[in-house]
Amino acid sequence: MGYWNEVKEMVIKGLNIAAEGIKEGAETAAVKGREGVTYVQLKKDLFIEHRRLQDLLSDLGDKTHDLYKEKKDIYADQSIKDIMDKVVAAEEKCKKIRDDIEKIGKENQGE
């Protein structure tokens, strides 16, 4: 599945969660609506973090390319290590957000 198809499906899923909540009554709608909004906010956060990760990987590629052209040791370069630390942190943040999204999805499937 393509990235933008996944984006579309997740937004639709978030909106469906909110819509289902509204159908269940005022009290339940408030809870479900918050869950739907939270779901969509988490998806937004995930997409922003994916974009940040994409930028970091682009920076890593640029720096690696420059070092390669200069025939320098890529593994010894501190800027490569710094970028990799940021990449690993961004990946972990993406995984955490994705876990939170899946948790909301599983909670709503069980009902």
Protein backbone atom coordinates (compact mmCIF):
# COMPACT_ATOMS: atom_id res chain seq x y z
CA MET A 1 0.00 0.00 0.00
CA GLY A 2 1.34 3.44 -0.89
CA TYR A 3 2.17 6.02 1.74
CA TRP A 4 -0.61 8.43 0.73
CA ASN A 5 -3.16 5.63 0.55
CA GLU A 6 -2.24 4.78 4.12
CA VAL A 7 -2.64 8.44 5.06
CA LYS A 8 -6.07 8.53 3.47
CA GLU A 9 -7.17 5.29 5.16
CA MET A 10 -5.99 6.42 8.59
CA VAL A 11 -7.76 9.78 8.32
CA ILE A 12 -10.93 8.04 7.17
CA LYS A 13 -10.64 5.55 10.02
CA GLY A 14 -10.24 8.40 12.52
CA LEU A 15 -13.25 10.16 11.10
CA ASN A 16 -15.27 6.94 11.18
CA ILE A 17 -14.41 6.46 14.86
CA ALA A 18 -15.63 9.99 15.56
CA ALA A 19 -18.79 9.44 13.49
CA GLU A 20 -19.61 6.18 15.28
CA GLY A 21 -19.27 7.96 18.59
CA ILE A 22 -21.72 10.66 17.56
CA LYS A 23 -24.30 8.01 16.63
CA GLU A 24 -24.14 6.36 20.06
CA GLY A 25 -25.53 9.28 22.02
CA ALA A 26 -24.35 12.47 23.64
CA GLU A 27 -22.37 10.99 26.52
CA THR A 28 -20.79 8.25 24.48
CA ALA A 29 -20.24 10.66 21.62
CA ALA A 30 -18.08 12.85 23.80
CA VAL A 31 -15.84 9.91 24.67
CA LYS A 32 -15.77 8.50 21.15
CA GLY A 33 -15.31 11.93 19.63
CA ARG A 34 -12.28 12.52 21.82
CA GLU A 35 -10.91 9.12 20.83
CA GLY A 36 -11.45 9.93 17.15
CA VAL A 37 -9.82 13.32 17.50
CA THR A 38 -6.94 11.78 19.46
CA TYR A 39 -6.55 9.16 16.74
CA VAL A 40 -6.38 11.78 14.00
CA GLN A 41 -3.97 13.92 16.06
CA LEU A 42 -1.70 10.92 16.56
CA LYS A 43 -1.78 10.21 12.82
CA LYS A 44 -0.86 13.85 12.17
CA ASP A 45 2.02 13.55 14.64
CA LEU A 46 3.15 10.36 12.95
CA PHE A 47 3.14 11.97 9.50
CA ILE A 48 5.08 14.97 10.81
CA GLU A 49 7.61 12.65 12.43
CA HIS A 50 7.85 10.62 9.21
CA ARG A 51 8.59 13.86 7.37
CA ARG A 52 11.27 14.73 9.93
CA LEU A 53 12.76 11.26 9.53
CA GLN A 54 12.72 11.67 5.76
CA ASP A 55 14.60 14.97 6.10
CA LEU A 56 17.17 13.37 8.41
CA LEU A 57 17.72 10.51 5.99
CA SER A 58 18.14 13.02 3.18
CA ASP A 59 20.75 14.89 5.25
CA LEU A 60 22.49 11.60 5.98
CA GLY A 61 22.58 10.75 2.29
CA ASP A 62 23.95 14.17 1.38
CA LYS A 63 26.66 14.02 4.02
CA THR A 64 27.58 10.43 3.11
CA HIS A 65 27.79 11.39 -0.56
CA ASP A 66 30.06 14.34 0.21
CA LEU A 67 32.37 12.23 2.38
CA TYR A 68 32.48 9.48 -0.23
CA LYS A 69 33.44 11.96 -2.96
CA GLU A 70 36.23 13.29 -0.73
CA LYS A 71 37.31 9.69 -0.01
CA LYS A 72 36.98 10.25 3.72
CA ASP A 73 36.07 7.68 6.38
CA ILE A 74 32.29 7.77 6.63
CA TYR A 75 32.22 5.74 9.85
CA ALA A 76 34.62 8.06 11.69
CA ASP A 77 32.79 11.28 10.84
CA GLN A 78 31.09 12.85 13.88
CA SER A 79 28.35 14.54 11.83
CA ILE A 80 27.29 11.11 10.49
CA LYS A 81 27.12 9.79 14.05
CA ASP A 82 25.06 12.82 15.13
CA ILE A 83 22.62 12.40 12.25
CA MET A 84 22.31 8.66 12.97
CA ASP A 85 21.49 9.41 16.62
CA LYS A 86 18.71 11.71 15.43
CA VAL A 87 17.48 9.07 12.95
CA VAL A 88 17.30 6.41 15.67
CA ALA A 89 15.44 8.82 17.98
CA ALA A 90 12.96 9.70 15.22
CA GLU A 91 12.39 6.01 14.45
CA GLU A 92 11.67 5.31 18.11
CA LYS A 93 9.23 8.23 18.27
CA CYS A 94 7.45 6.92 15.16
CA LYS A 95 7.18 3.45 16.72
CA LYS A 96 5.72 4.90 19.94
CA ILE A 97 3.15 6.97 18.06
CA ARG A 98 2.25 3.95 15.91
CA ASP A 99 1.77 1.82 19.05
CA ASP A 100 -0.53 4.49 20.51
CA ILE A 101 -2.54 4.55 17.28
CA GLU A 102 -2.86 0.76 17.24
CA LYS A 103 -3.98 0.80 20.88
CA ILE A 104 -6.83 3.19 20.07
CA GLY A 105 -7.78 1.09 17.05
CA LYS A 106 -7.86 -2.14 19.08
CA GLU A 107 -9.92 -0.52 21.84
CA ASN A 108 -12.51 0.57 19.31
CA GLN A 109 -12.62 -2.80 17.53
CA GLY A 110 -13.43 -4.59 20.77
CA GLU A 111 -16.60 -2.58 21.32
